[in-house]
Amino acid sequence: MLHLIFESTLDQAIFERVALGDVFLLLDDAVFRTLATGDRAVTLSEVLTRARCLVLEDHLTIRGLNSAELVPGIEMIGYEDFVGLTLEHAVIQSWRS
């Protein structure tokens, strides 16, 4: 399953629904939660043991962030990769606040 996470709060309930082999992509202000110094860093590290975590590079850049600030293991992708993910996954779940 592909999870599209737009929520900046990044509620624990979202992570509880990420299964082994899932992919989750953080977009918009949710990218702030990917910071290694952030309050969700430990949780993200745990989720990375069972799922792939991605952020859109443009969404980081526009917010003045860069890859060196992310929790290790989080991958940056471009829009072409995002489109490819939507084609690969039959089930897509969007999380919005």
PDB file of N, CA and C in Angstrom:
ATOM      1  N   MET A   1       0.841  -1.174   0.000  1.00  0.00           N
ATOM      2  CA  MET A   1       0.000   0.000   0.000  1.00  0.00           C
ATOM      3  C   MET A   1       0.891   1.244   0.000  1.00  0.00           C
ATOM      4  N   LEU A   2       0.440   2.258  -0.682  1.00  0.00           N
ATOM      5  CA  LEU A   2       1.107   3.548  -0.686  1.00  0.00           C
ATOM      6  C   LEU A   2       0.309   4.486   0.213  1.00  0.00           C
ATOM      7  N   HIS A   3       0.972   5.037   1.216  1.00  0.00           N
ATOM      8  CA  HIS A   3       0.348   5.998   2.125  1.00  0.00           C
ATOM      9  C   HIS A   3       0.848   7.398   1.753  1.00  0.00           C
ATOM     10  N   LEU A   4      -0.061   8.308   1.494  1.00  0.00           N
ATOM     11  CA  LEU A   4       0.286   9.708   1.230  1.00  0.00           C
ATOM     12  C   LEU A   4      -0.070  10.491   2.483  1.00  0.00           C
ATOM     13  N   ILE A   5       0.930  11.023   3.146  1.00  0.00           N
ATOM     14  CA  ILE A   5       0.708  11.676   4.434  1.00  0.00           C
ATOM     15  C   ILE A   5       0.898  13.178   4.281  1.00  0.00           C
ATOM     16  N   PHE A   6      -0.194  13.901   4.477  1.00  0.00           N
ATOM     17  CA  PHE A   6      -0.196  15.359   4.380  1.00  0.00           C
ATOM     18  C   PHE A   6      -0.266  16.009   5.756  1.00  0.00           C
ATOM     19  N   GLU A   7      -0.540  15.230   6.782  1.00  0.00           N
ATOM     20  CA  GLU A   7      -0.763  15.757   8.131  1.00  0.00           C
ATOM     21  C   GLU A   7       0.554  16.158   8.775  1.00  0.00           C
ATOM     22  N   SER A   8       0.623  17.385   9.239  1.00  0.00           N
ATOM     23  CA  SER A   8       1.831  17.823   9.923  1.00  0.00           C
ATOM     24  C   SER A   8       1.902  17.263  11.337  1.00  0.00           C
ATOM     25  N   THR A   9       0.760  16.814  11.878  1.00  0.00           N
ATOM     26  CA  THR A   9       0.770  16.255  13.230  1.00  0.00           C
ATOM     27  C   THR A   9       1.349  14.846  13.255  1.00  0.00           C
ATOM     28  N   LEU A  10       1.263  14.116  12.167  1.00  0.00           N
ATOM     29  CA  LEU A  10       1.775  12.757  12.043  1.00  0.00           C
ATOM     30  C   LEU A  10       1.382  11.912  13.249  1.00  0.00           C
ATOM     31  N   ASP A  11       0.119  11.704  13.386  1.00  0.00           N
ATOM     32  CA  ASP A  11      -0.456  10.961  14.499  1.00  0.00           C
ATOM     33  C   ASP A  11       0.067   9.527  14.560  1.00  0.00           C
ATOM     34  N   GLN A  12       0.238   9.013  15.761  1.00  0.00           N
ATOM     35  CA  GLN A  12       0.715   7.645  15.970  1.00  0.00           C
ATOM     36  C   GLN A  12      -0.173   6.625  15.264  1.00  0.00           C
ATOM     37  N   ALA A  13      -1.463   6.896  15.175  1.00  0.00           N
ATOM     38  CA  ALA A  13      -2.409   5.970  14.533  1.00  0.00           C
ATOM     39  C   ALA A  13      -2.047   5.714  13.080  1.00  0.00           C
ATOM     40  N   ILE A  14      -1.468   6.687  12.421  1.00  0.00           N
ATOM     41  CA  ILE A  14      -1.037   6.502  11.029  1.00  0.00           C
ATOM     42  C   ILE A  14       0.055   5.435  10.971  1.00  0.00           C
ATOM     43  N   PHE A  15       1.039   5.554  11.844  1.00  0.00           N
ATOM     44  CA  PHE A  15       2.151   4.604  11.839  1.00  0.00           C
ATOM     45  C   PHE A  15       1.701   3.190  12.186  1.00  0.00           C
ATOM     46  N   GLU A  16       0.700   3.081  13.004  1.00  0.00           N
ATOM     47  CA  GLU A  16       0.182   1.765  13.381  1.00  0.00           C
ATOM     48  C   GLU A  16      -0.468   1.058  12.195  1.00  0.00           C
ATOM     49  N   ARG A  17      -0.836   1.792  11.173  1.00  0.00           N
ATOM     50  CA  ARG A  17      -1.466   1.217   9.989  1.00  0.00           C
ATOM     51  C   ARG A  17      -0.489   0.914   8.856  1.00  0.00           C
ATOM     52  N   VAL A  18       0.768   1.259   9.044  1.00  0.00           N
ATOM     53  CA  VAL A  18       1.786   0.978   8.044  1.00  0.00           C
ATOM     54  C   VAL A  18       2.260  -0.456   8.233  1.00  0.00           C
ATOM     55  N   ALA A  19       2.040  -1.282   7.216  1.00  0.00           N
ATOM     56  CA  ALA A  19       2.365  -2.702   7.289  1.00  0.00           C
ATOM     57  C   ALA A  19       3.714  -2.994   6.625  1.00  0.00           C
ATOM     58  N   LEU A  20       4.190  -4.189   6.847  1.00  0.00           N
ATOM     59  CA  LEU A  20       5.438  -4.651   6.255  1.00  0.00           C
ATOM     60  C   LEU A  20       5.369  -4.509   4.732  1.00  0.00           C
ATOM     61  N   GLY A  21       6.358  -3.826   4.168  1.00  0.00           N
ATOM     62  CA  GLY A  21       6.423  -3.649   2.728  1.00  0.00           C
ATOM     63  C   GLY A  21       5.689  -2.434   2.181  1.00  0.00           C
ATOM     64  N   ASP A  22       4.963  -1.723   3.041  1.00  0.00           N
ATOM     65  CA  ASP A  22       4.267  -0.515   2.596  1.00  0.00           C
ATOM     66  C   ASP A  22       5.267   0.588   2.262  1.00  0.00           C
ATOM     67  N   VAL A  23       4.786   1.582   1.546  1.00  0.00           N
ATOM     68  CA  VAL A  23       5.561   2.783   1.242  1.00  0.00           C
ATOM     69  C   VAL A  23       4.758   3.961   1.766  1.00  0.00           C
ATOM     70  N   PHE A  24       5.417   4.868   2.479  1.00  0.00           N
ATOM     71  CA  PHE A  24       4.708   6.077   2.868  1.00  0.00           C
ATOM     72  C   PHE A  24       5.497   7.298   2.447  1.00  0.00           C
ATOM     73  N   LEU A  25       4.763   8.224   1.856  1.00  0.00           N
ATOM     74  CA  LEU A  25       5.323   9.443   1.293  1.00  0.00           C
ATOM     75  C   LEU A  25       4.782  10.628   2.067  1.00  0.00           C
ATOM     76  N   LEU A  26       5.690  11.413   2.633  1.00  0.00           N
ATOM     77  CA  LEU A  26       5.297  12.603   3.377  1.00  0.00           C
ATOM     78  C   LEU A  26       5.346  13.810   2.460  1.00  0.00           C
ATOM     79  N   LEU A  27       4.264  14.574   2.475  1.00  0.00           N
ATOM     80  CA  LEU A  27       4.084  15.716   1.581  1.00  0.00           C
ATOM     81  C   LEU A  27       3.718  16.958   2.379  1.00  0.00           C
ATOM     82  N   ASP A  28       3.781  18.097   1.734  1.00  0.00           N
ATOM     83  CA  ASP A  28       3.395  19.366   2.346  1.00  0.00           C
ATOM     84  C   ASP A  28       4.112  19.544   3.687  1.00  0.00           C
ATOM     85  N   ASP A  29       3.416  20.040   4.707  1.00  0.00           N
ATOM     86  CA  ASP A  29       4.062  20.306   5.992  1.00  0.00           C
ATOM     87  C   ASP A  29       4.412  19.055   6.783  1.00  0.00           C
ATOM     88  N   ALA A  30       3.952  17.887   6.347  1.00  0.00           N
ATOM     89  CA  ALA A  30       4.339  16.637   7.022  1.00  0.00           C
ATOM     90  C   ALA A  30       5.842  16.404   6.912  1.00  0.00           C
ATOM     91  N   VAL A  31       6.511  17.019   5.934  1.00  0.00           N
ATOM     92  CA  VAL A  31       7.953  16.828   5.785  1.00  0.00           C
ATOM     93  C   VAL A  31       8.715  17.340   6.997  1.00  0.00           C
ATOM     94  N   PHE A  32       8.154  18.278   7.754  1.00  0.00           N
ATOM     95  CA  PHE A  32       8.822  18.775   8.958  1.00  0.00           C
ATOM     96  C   PHE A  32       9.012  17.656   9.979  1.00  0.00           C
ATOM     97  N   ARG A  33       8.168  16.650   9.945  1.00  0.00           N
ATOM     98  CA  ARG A  33       8.236  15.540  10.905  1.00  0.00           C
ATOM     99  C   ARG A  33       9.330  14.533  10.554  1.00  0.00           C
ATOM    100  N   THR A  34       9.998  14.708   9.427  1.00  0.00           N
ATOM    101  CA  THR A  34      11.052  13.783   9.025  1.00  0.00           C
ATOM    102  C   THR A  34      12.426  14.190   9.556  1.00  0.00           C
ATOM    103  N   LEU A  35      12.489  15.295  10.268  1.00  0.00           N
ATOM    104  CA  LEU A  35      13.769  15.787  10.756  1.00  0.00           C
ATOM    105  C   LEU A  35      14.340  14.876  11.840  1.00  0.00           C
ATOM    106  N   ALA A  36      15.626  14.630  11.781  1.00  0.00           N
ATOM    107  CA  ALA A  36      16.303  13.772  12.751  1.00  0.00           C
ATOM    108  C   ALA A  36      16.201  14.340  14.168  1.00  0.00           C
ATOM    109  N   THR A  37      16.020  15.639  14.289  1.00  0.00           N
ATOM    110  CA  THR A  37      15.895  16.275  15.600  1.00  0.00           C
ATOM    111  C   THR A  37      14.437  16.434  16.030  1.00  0.00           C
ATOM    112  N   GLY A  38      13.509  15.925  15.230  1.00  0.00           N
ATOM    113  CA  GLY A  38      12.083  16.109  15.491  1.00  0.00           C
ATOM    114  C   GLY A  38      11.515  15.141  16.511  1.00  0.00           C
ATOM    115  N   ASP A  39      10.295  15.412  16.914  1.00  0.00           N
ATOM    116  CA  ASP A  39       9.628  14.613  17.936  1.00  0.00           C
ATOM    117  C   ASP A  39       9.163  13.252  17.430  1.00  0.00           C
ATOM    118  N   ARG A  40       9.201  13.005  16.132  1.00  0.00           N
ATOM    119  CA  ARG A  40       8.797  11.712  15.572  1.00  0.00           C
ATOM    120  C   ARG A  40       9.984  10.905  15.047  1.00  0.00           C
ATOM    121  N   ALA A  41      11.198  11.338  15.325  1.00  0.00           N
ATOM    122  CA  ALA A  41      12.391  10.672  14.792  1.00  0.00           C
ATOM    123  C   ALA A  41      12.493   9.214  15.235  1.00  0.00           C
ATOM    124  N   VAL A  42      12.248   8.930  16.495  1.00  0.00           N
ATOM    125  CA  VAL A  42      12.353   7.559  16.997  1.00  0.00           C
ATOM    126  C   VAL A  42      11.285   6.686  16.352  1.00  0.00           C
ATOM    127  N   THR A  43      10.065   7.198  16.273  1.00  0.00           N
ATOM    128  CA  THR A  43       8.967   6.447  15.656  1.00  0.00           C
ATOM    129  C   THR A  43       9.256   6.182  14.186  1.00  0.00           C
ATOM    130  N   LEU A  44       9.733   7.179  13.479  1.00  0.00           N
ATOM    131  CA  LEU A  44      10.065   7.002  12.060  1.00  0.00           C
ATOM    132  C   LEU A  44      11.159   5.949  11.876  1.00  0.00           C
ATOM    133  N   SER A  45      12.153   5.970  12.727  1.00  0.00           N
ATOM    134  CA  SER A  45      13.227   4.975  12.639  1.00  0.00           C
ATOM    135  C   SER A  45      12.678   3.566  12.804  1.00  0.00           C
ATOM    136  N   GLU A  46      11.725   3.405  13.710  1.00  0.00           N
ATOM    137  CA  GLU A  46      11.106   2.091  13.924  1.00  0.00           C
ATOM    138  C   GLU A  46      10.292   1.675  12.706  1.00  0.00           C
ATOM    139  N   VAL A  47       9.526   2.593  12.152  1.00  0.00           N
ATOM    140  CA  VAL A  47       8.691   2.288  10.986  1.00  0.00           C
ATOM    141  C   VAL A  47       9.565   1.926   9.785  1.00  0.00           C
ATOM    142  N   LEU A  48      10.741   2.523   9.690  1.00  0.00           N
ATOM    143  CA  LEU A  48      11.654   2.239   8.578  1.00  0.00           C
ATOM    144  C   LEU A  48      12.152   0.790   8.572  1.00  0.00           C
ATOM    145  N   THR A  49      11.974   0.076   9.665  1.00  0.00           N
ATOM    146  CA  THR A  49      12.373  -1.329   9.706  1.00  0.00           C
ATOM    147  C   THR A  49      11.379  -2.211   8.956  1.00  0.00           C
ATOM    148  N   ARG A  50      10.164  -1.692   8.694  1.00  0.00           N
ATOM    149  CA  ARG A  50       9.152  -2.509   8.005  1.00  0.00           C
ATOM    150  C   ARG A  50       8.574  -1.849   6.758  1.00  0.00           C
ATOM    151  N   ALA A  51       8.891  -0.596   6.532  1.00  0.00           N
ATOM    152  CA  ALA A  51       8.310   0.128   5.396  1.00  0.00           C
ATOM    153  C   ALA A  51       9.339   1.110   4.832  1.00  0.00           C
ATOM    154  N   ARG A  52       9.057   1.566   3.648  1.00  0.00           N
ATOM    155  CA  ARG A  52       9.900   2.550   2.966  1.00  0.00           C
ATOM    156  C   ARG A  52       9.298   3.937   3.188  1.00  0.00           C
ATOM    157  N   CYS A  53      10.111   4.888   3.598  1.00  0.00           N
ATOM    158  CA  CYS A  53       9.645   6.250   3.849  1.00  0.00           C
ATOM    159  C   CYS A  53      10.300   7.203   2.854  1.00  0.00           C
ATOM    160  N   LEU A  54       9.454   8.035   2.231  1.00  0.00           N
ATOM    161  CA  LEU A  54       9.914   8.957   1.201  1.00  0.00           C
ATOM    162  C   LEU A  54       9.397  10.366   1.465  1.00  0.00           C
ATOM    163  N   VAL A  55      10.102  11.350   0.948  1.00  0.00           N
ATOM    164  CA  VAL A  55       9.629  12.731   0.932  1.00  0.00           C
ATOM    165  C   VAL A  55       9.888  13.296  -0.457  1.00  0.00           C
ATOM    166  N   LEU A  56       9.031  14.207  -0.883  1.00  0.00           N
ATOM    167  CA  LEU A  56       9.270  14.879  -2.160  1.00  0.00           C
ATOM    168  C   LEU A  56      10.343  15.944  -1.961  1.00  0.00           C
ATOM    169  N   GLU A  57      11.358  15.871  -2.789  1.00  0.00           N
ATOM    170  CA  GLU A  57      12.477  16.808  -2.680  1.00  0.00           C
ATOM    171  C   GLU A  57      11.996  18.260  -2.736  1.00  0.00           C
ATOM    172  N   ASP A  58      11.099  18.568  -3.652  1.00  0.00           N
ATOM    173  CA  ASP A  58      10.605  19.941  -3.774  1.00  0.00           C
ATOM    174  C   ASP A  58       9.892  20.412  -2.505  1.00  0.00           C
ATOM    175  N   HIS A  59       9.203  19.511  -1.818  1.00  0.00           N
ATOM    176  CA  HIS A  59       8.487  19.886  -0.603  1.00  0.00           C
ATOM    177  C   HIS A  59       9.463  20.180   0.533  1.00  0.00           C
ATOM    178  N   LEU A  60      10.618  19.537   0.519  1.00  0.00           N
ATOM    179  CA  LEU A  60      11.667  19.861   1.488  1.00  0.00           C
ATOM    180  C   LEU A  60      12.303  21.199   1.155  1.00  0.00           C
ATOM    181  N   THR A  61      12.703  21.335  -0.092  1.00  0.00           N
ATOM    182  CA  THR A  61      13.418  22.532  -0.533  1.00  0.00           C
ATOM    183  C   THR A  61      12.608  23.803  -0.303  1.00  0.00           C
ATOM    184  N   ILE A  62      11.338  23.760  -0.640  1.00  0.00           N
ATOM    185  CA  ILE A  62      10.493  24.952  -0.509  1.00  0.00           C
ATOM    186  C   ILE A  62      10.338  25.373   0.955  1.00  0.00           C
ATOM    187  N   ARG A  63      10.594  24.438   1.874  1.00  0.00           N
ATOM    188  CA  ARG A  63      10.496  24.728   3.305  1.00  0.00           C
ATOM    189  C   ARG A  63      11.866  24.973   3.932  1.00  0.00           C
ATOM    190  N   GLY A  64      12.890  25.069   3.085  1.00  0.00           N
ATOM    191  CA  GLY A  64      14.237  25.374   3.566  1.00  0.00           C
ATOM    192  C   GLY A  64      14.940  24.210   4.234  1.00  0.00           C
ATOM    193  N   LEU A  65      14.529  22.977   3.915  1.00  0.00           N
ATOM    194  CA  LEU A  65      15.133  21.784   4.509  1.00  0.00           C
ATOM    195  C   LEU A  65      15.984  21.061   3.480  1.00  0.00           C
ATOM    196  N   ASN A  66      16.872  20.186   3.963  1.00  0.00           N
ATOM    197  CA  ASN A  66      17.680  19.385   3.043  1.00  0.00           C
ATOM    198  C   ASN A  66      17.848  17.969   3.585  1.00  0.00           C
ATOM    199  N   SER A  67      18.373  17.086   2.767  1.00  0.00           N
ATOM    200  CA  SER A  67      18.450  15.667   3.099  1.00  0.00           C
ATOM    201  C   SER A  67      19.320  15.378   4.319  1.00  0.00           C
ATOM    202  N   ALA A  68      20.306  16.211   4.588  1.00  0.00           N
ATOM    203  CA  ALA A  68      21.182  15.997   5.739  1.00  0.00           C
ATOM    204  C   ALA A  68      20.437  16.126   7.065  1.00  0.00           C
ATOM    205  N   GLU A  69      19.271  16.757   7.052  1.00  0.00           N
ATOM    206  CA  GLU A  69      18.497  16.968   8.273  1.00  0.00           C
ATOM    207  C   GLU A  69      17.499  15.847   8.565  1.00  0.00           C
ATOM    208  N   LEU A  70      17.356  14.900   7.644  1.00  0.00           N
ATOM    209  CA  LEU A  70      16.341  13.868   7.767  1.00  0.00           C
ATOM    210  C   LEU A  70      16.776  12.704   8.649  1.00  0.00           C
ATOM    211  N   VAL A  71      15.786  11.992   9.172  1.00  0.00           N
ATOM    212  CA  VAL A  71      16.042  10.734   9.863  1.00  0.00           C
ATOM    213  C   VAL A  71      16.760   9.825   8.861  1.00  0.00           C
ATOM    214  N   PRO A  72      17.854   9.194   9.251  1.00  0.00           N
ATOM    215  CA  PRO A  72      18.562   8.295   8.321  1.00  0.00           C
ATOM    216  C   PRO A  72      17.643   7.195   7.789  1.00  0.00           C
ATOM    217  N   GLY A  73      17.715   6.991   6.483  1.00  0.00           N
ATOM    218  CA  GLY A  73      16.892   5.976   5.841  1.00  0.00           C
ATOM    219  C   GLY A  73      15.716   6.545   5.069  1.00  0.00           C
ATOM    220  N   ILE A  74      15.371   7.797   5.321  1.00  0.00           N
ATOM    221  CA  ILE A  74      14.290   8.433   4.572  1.00  0.00           C
ATOM    222  C   ILE A  74      14.853   8.879   3.227  1.00  0.00           C
ATOM    223  N   GLU A  75      14.132   8.554   2.175  1.00  0.00           N
ATOM    224  CA  GLU A  75      14.590   8.834   0.817  1.00  0.00           C
ATOM    225  C   GLU A  75      13.874  10.050   0.228  1.00  0.00           C
ATOM    226  N   MET A  76      14.615  10.836  -0.542  1.00  0.00           N
ATOM    227  CA  MET A  76      14.014  11.940  -1.284  1.00  0.00           C
ATOM    228  C   MET A  76      13.718  11.465  -2.695  1.00  0.00           C
ATOM    229  N   ILE A  77      12.558  11.872  -3.208  1.00  0.00           N
ATOM    230  CA  ILE A  77      12.187  11.523  -4.578  1.00  0.00           C
ATOM    231  C   ILE A  77      11.661  12.756  -5.299  1.00  0.00           C
ATOM    232  N   GLY A  78      11.565  12.653  -6.610  1.00  0.00           N
ATOM    233  CA  GLY A  78      11.000  13.713  -7.432  1.00  0.00           C
ATOM    234  C   GLY A  78       9.580  13.363  -7.855  1.00  0.00           C
ATOM    235  N   TYR A  79       8.959  14.253  -8.592  1.00  0.00           N
ATOM    236  CA  TYR A  79       7.576  14.050  -9.033  1.00  0.00           C
ATOM    237  C   TYR A  79       7.420  12.853  -9.972  1.00  0.00           C
ATOM    238  N   GLU A  80       8.425  12.597 -10.815  1.00  0.00           N
ATOM    239  CA  GLU A  80       8.340  11.435 -11.709  1.00  0.00           C
ATOM    240  C   GLU A  80       8.294  10.140 -10.901  1.00  0.00           C
ATOM    241  N   ASP A  81       9.086  10.078  -9.835  1.00  0.00           N
ATOM    242  CA  ASP A  81       9.070   8.902  -8.958  1.00  0.00           C
ATOM    243  C   ASP A  81       7.720   8.770  -8.268  1.00  0.00           C
ATOM    244  N   PHE A  82       7.148   9.894  -7.867  1.00  0.00           N
ATOM    245  CA  PHE A  82       5.835   9.903  -7.217  1.00  0.00           C
ATOM    246  C   PHE A  82       4.779   9.307  -8.155  1.00  0.00           C
ATOM    247  N   VAL A  83       4.791   9.740  -9.397  1.00  0.00           N
ATOM    248  CA  VAL A  83       3.850   9.202 -10.376  1.00  0.00           C
ATOM    249  C   VAL A  83       4.059   7.699 -10.531  1.00  0.00           C
ATOM    250  N   GLY A  84       5.315   7.270 -10.598  1.00  0.00           N
ATOM    251  CA  GLY A  84       5.617   5.849 -10.707  1.00  0.00           C
ATOM    252  C   GLY A  84       5.070   5.051  -9.533  1.00  0.00           C
ATOM    253  N   LEU A  85       5.156   5.607  -8.331  1.00  0.00           N
ATOM    254  CA  LEU A  85       4.613   4.929  -7.151  1.00  0.00           C
ATOM    255  C   LEU A  85       3.100   4.761  -7.240  1.00  0.00           C
ATOM    256  N   THR A  86       2.427   5.773  -7.762  1.00  0.00           N
ATOM    257  CA  THR A  86       0.967   5.667  -7.871  1.00  0.00           C
ATOM    258  C   THR A  86       0.567   4.603  -8.888  1.00  0.00           C
ATOM    259  N   LEU A  87       1.418   4.370  -9.874  1.00  0.00           N
ATOM    260  CA  LEU A  87       1.135   3.325 -10.851  1.00  0.00           C
ATOM    261  C   LEU A  87       1.462   1.928 -10.312  1.00  0.00           C
ATOM    262  N   GLU A  88       2.443   1.852  -9.426  1.00  0.00           N
ATOM    263  CA  GLU A  88       2.862   0.572  -8.847  1.00  0.00           C
ATOM    264  C   GLU A  88       1.886   0.034  -7.805  1.00  0.00           C
ATOM    265  N   HIS A  89       1.206   0.931  -7.105  1.00  0.00           N
ATOM    266  CA  HIS A  89       0.371   0.525  -5.972  1.00  0.00           C
ATOM    267  C   HIS A  89      -1.113   0.607  -6.310  1.00  0.00           C
ATOM    268  N   ALA A  90      -1.775  -0.530  -6.192  1.00  0.00           N
ATOM    269  CA  ALA A  90      -3.215  -0.583  -6.469  1.00  0.00           C
ATOM    270  C   ALA A  90      -4.021   0.105  -5.372  1.00  0.00           C
ATOM    271  N   VAL A  91      -3.476   0.111  -4.154  1.00  0.00           N
ATOM    272  CA  VAL A  91      -4.174   0.723  -3.020  1.00  0.00           C
ATOM    273  C   VAL A  91      -3.368   1.929  -2.540  1.00  0.00           C
ATOM    274  N   ILE A  92      -4.040   3.079  -2.497  1.00  0.00           N
ATOM    275  CA  ILE A  92      -3.412   4.316  -2.037  1.00  0.00           C
ATOM    276  C   ILE A  92      -4.304   4.919  -0.954  1.00  0.00           C
ATOM    277  N   GLN A  93      -3.677   5.210   0.196  1.00  0.00           N
ATOM    278  CA  GLN A  93      -4.409   5.820   1.321  1.00  0.00           C
ATOM    279  C   GLN A  93      -3.853   7.221   1.549  1.00  0.00           C
ATOM    280  N   SER A  94      -4.737   8.226   1.547  1.00  0.00           N
ATOM    281  CA  SER A  94      -4.317   9.599   1.851  1.00  0.00           C
ATOM    282  C   SER A  94      -4.682   9.936   3.283  1.00  0.00           C
ATOM    283  N   TRP A  95      -3.752  10.545   3.981  1.00  0.00           N
ATOM    284  CA  TRP A  95      -3.957  10.972   5.364  1.00  0.00           C
ATOM    285  C   TRP A  95      -3.885  12.493   5.415  1.00  0.00           C
ATOM    286  N   ARG A  96      -4.997  13.107   5.771  1.00  0.00           N
ATOM    287  CA  ARG A  96      -5.076  14.572   5.875  1.00  0.00           C
ATOM    288  C   ARG A  96      -5.688  14.943   7.217  1.00  0.00           C
ATOM    289  N   SER A  97      -5.283  16.095   7.711  1.00  0.00           N
ATOM    290  CA  SER A  97      -5.883  16.557   8.970  1.00  0.00           C
ATOM    291  C   SER A  97      -7.158  17.318   8.716  1.00  0.00           C
TER     292      SER A  97
END
